[in-house]
Amino acid sequence: MGRLPVLSGKEAIHALAKIGFTRVRQSGSHIVLQKALPGTTMTVVVPDHTELATGTLRSIIRQAGLGVDEFVALVD
């Protein structure tokens, strides 16, 4: 498992958009993204902060069904 980069909420959203997540709505500083899968919908909430905490970013990656290395490859 690789090191996590320091990302903003917007950068994380841009990386998730590359794998099919779309912005559904926003409530305050939290942006809700969804991805339609056969028989279900995957939902991820990303805070629109200038710098995401490491634990928050790991949780977002886990909710998206990715590994850290897969996510880091999307950011590059």
C-alpha atoms as a PDB file:
ATOM      1  CA  MET A   1       0.000   0.000   0.000  1.00  0.00           C
ATOM      2  CA  GLY A   2       1.461   3.331  -1.098  1.00  0.00           C
ATOM      3  CA  ARG A   3       1.556   6.701   0.571  1.00  0.00           C
ATOM      4  CA  LEU A   4      -1.425   8.958   0.172  1.00  0.00           C
ATOM      5  CA  PRO A   5      -0.872  12.302  -1.523  1.00  0.00           C
ATOM      6  CA  VAL A   6      -2.167  15.498   0.064  1.00  0.00           C
ATOM      7  CA  LEU A   7      -5.300  16.358  -1.913  1.00  0.00           C
ATOM      8  CA  SER A   8      -8.105  18.860  -1.812  1.00  0.00           C
ATOM      9  CA  GLY A   9     -11.725  17.780  -2.031  1.00  0.00           C
ATOM     10  CA  LYS A  10     -11.919  19.025  -5.627  1.00  0.00           C
ATOM     11  CA  GLU A  11      -8.868  16.938  -6.624  1.00  0.00           C
ATOM     12  CA  ALA A  12     -10.390  13.825  -5.038  1.00  0.00           C
ATOM     13  CA  ILE A  13     -13.678  14.460  -6.875  1.00  0.00           C
ATOM     14  CA  HIS A  14     -11.819  14.862 -10.168  1.00  0.00           C
ATOM     15  CA  ALA A  15     -10.034  11.514  -9.624  1.00  0.00           C
ATOM     16  CA  LEU A  16     -13.317   9.744  -8.780  1.00  0.00           C
ATOM     17  CA  ALA A  17     -14.967  11.245 -11.872  1.00  0.00           C
ATOM     18  CA  LYS A  18     -12.407   9.373 -13.993  1.00  0.00           C
ATOM     19  CA  ILE A  19     -13.945   6.052 -12.879  1.00  0.00           C
ATOM     20  CA  GLY A  20     -17.560   7.063 -13.393  1.00  0.00           C
ATOM     21  CA  PHE A  21     -18.654   8.925 -10.257  1.00  0.00           C
ATOM     22  CA  THR A  22     -20.910  11.890 -10.932  1.00  0.00           C
ATOM     23  CA  ARG A  23     -21.807  14.804  -8.693  1.00  0.00           C
ATOM     24  CA  VAL A  24     -25.394  14.429  -7.479  1.00  0.00           C
ATOM     25  CA  ARG A  25     -25.833  17.188  -4.894  1.00  0.00           C
ATOM     26  CA  GLN A  26     -24.118  19.297  -2.275  1.00  0.00           C
ATOM     27  CA  SER A  27     -25.089  19.938   1.321  1.00  0.00           C
ATOM     28  CA  GLY A  28     -22.942  22.664   2.842  1.00  0.00           C
ATOM     29  CA  SER A  29     -19.316  21.742   2.239  1.00  0.00           C
ATOM     30  CA  HIS A  30     -20.053  18.064   1.528  1.00  0.00           C
ATOM     31  CA  ILE A  31     -20.436  16.911  -2.065  1.00  0.00           C
ATOM     32  CA  VAL A  32     -22.292  13.666  -2.775  1.00  0.00           C
ATOM     33  CA  LEU A  33     -21.074  11.546  -5.685  1.00  0.00           C
ATOM     34  CA  GLN A  34     -22.767   8.453  -7.084  1.00  0.00           C
ATOM     35  CA  LYS A  35     -21.880   5.692  -9.510  1.00  0.00           C
ATOM     36  CA  ALA A  36     -24.524   3.392 -10.974  1.00  0.00           C
ATOM     37  CA  LEU A  37     -23.643  -0.299 -10.850  1.00  0.00           C
ATOM     38  CA  PRO A  38     -25.761  -3.253 -11.969  1.00  0.00           C
ATOM     39  CA  GLY A  39     -28.429  -3.657  -9.290  1.00  0.00           C
ATOM     40  CA  THR A  40     -27.091  -0.953  -6.951  1.00  0.00           C
ATOM     41  CA  THR A  41     -25.693   2.543  -6.631  1.00  0.00           C
ATOM     42  CA  MET A  42     -22.395   3.379  -4.953  1.00  0.00           C
ATOM     43  CA  THR A  43     -22.426   6.656  -2.983  1.00  0.00           C
ATOM     44  CA  VAL A  44     -19.397   8.591  -1.713  1.00  0.00           C
ATOM     45  CA  VAL A  45     -19.432  11.856   0.246  1.00  0.00           C
ATOM     46  CA  VAL A  46     -16.422  14.147  -0.200  1.00  0.00           C
ATOM     47  CA  PRO A  47     -15.890  17.272   1.912  1.00  0.00           C
ATOM     48  CA  ASP A  48     -14.977  20.321  -0.180  1.00  0.00           C
ATOM     49  CA  HIS A  49     -11.931  21.214   1.923  1.00  0.00           C
ATOM     50  CA  THR A  50      -8.618  22.623   0.736  1.00  0.00           C
ATOM     51  CA  GLU A  51      -6.785  19.688   2.328  1.00  0.00           C
ATOM     52  CA  LEU A  52      -8.382  16.346   3.196  1.00  0.00           C
ATOM     53  CA  ALA A  53      -7.250  14.578   6.364  1.00  0.00           C
ATOM     54  CA  THR A  54      -5.489  11.264   5.758  1.00  0.00           C
ATOM     55  CA  GLY A  55      -8.200   9.233   7.493  1.00  0.00           C
ATOM     56  CA  THR A  56     -10.931  11.000   5.531  1.00  0.00           C
ATOM     57  CA  LEU A  57      -9.171  10.317   2.228  1.00  0.00           C
ATOM     58  CA  ARG A  58      -8.673   6.646   3.150  1.00  0.00           C
ATOM     59  CA  SER A  59     -12.382   6.381   3.972  1.00  0.00           C
ATOM     60  CA  ILE A  60     -13.334   7.927   0.617  1.00  0.00           C
ATOM     61  CA  ILE A  61     -11.055   5.480  -1.209  1.00  0.00           C
ATOM     62  CA  ARG A  62     -12.559   2.537   0.712  1.00  0.00           C
ATOM     63  CA  GLN A  63     -16.137   3.687   0.008  1.00  0.00           C
ATOM     64  CA  ALA A  64     -15.291   3.946  -3.698  1.00  0.00           C
ATOM     65  CA  GLY A  65     -14.143   0.319  -3.687  1.00  0.00           C
ATOM     66  CA  LEU A  66     -10.563   1.151  -4.610  1.00  0.00           C
ATOM     67  CA  GLY A  67      -7.155   0.400  -3.219  1.00  0.00           C
ATOM     68  CA  VAL A  68      -4.739   3.185  -2.341  1.00  0.00           C
ATOM     69  CA  ASP A  69      -2.480   2.380  -5.302  1.00  0.00           C
ATOM     70  CA  GLU A  70      -5.437   2.399  -7.710  1.00  0.00           C
ATOM     71  CA  PHE A  71      -6.565   5.771  -6.410  1.00  0.00           C
ATOM     72  CA  VAL A  72      -3.065   7.287  -6.562  1.00  0.00           C
ATOM     73  CA  ALA A  73      -2.840   6.183 -10.209  1.00  0.00           C
ATOM     74  CA  LEU A  74      -6.043   8.140 -10.927  1.00  0.00           C
ATOM     75  CA  VAL A  75      -4.610  11.289  -9.345  1.00  0.00           C
ATOM     76  CA  ASP A  76      -1.453  11.301 -11.463  1.00  0.00           C
END
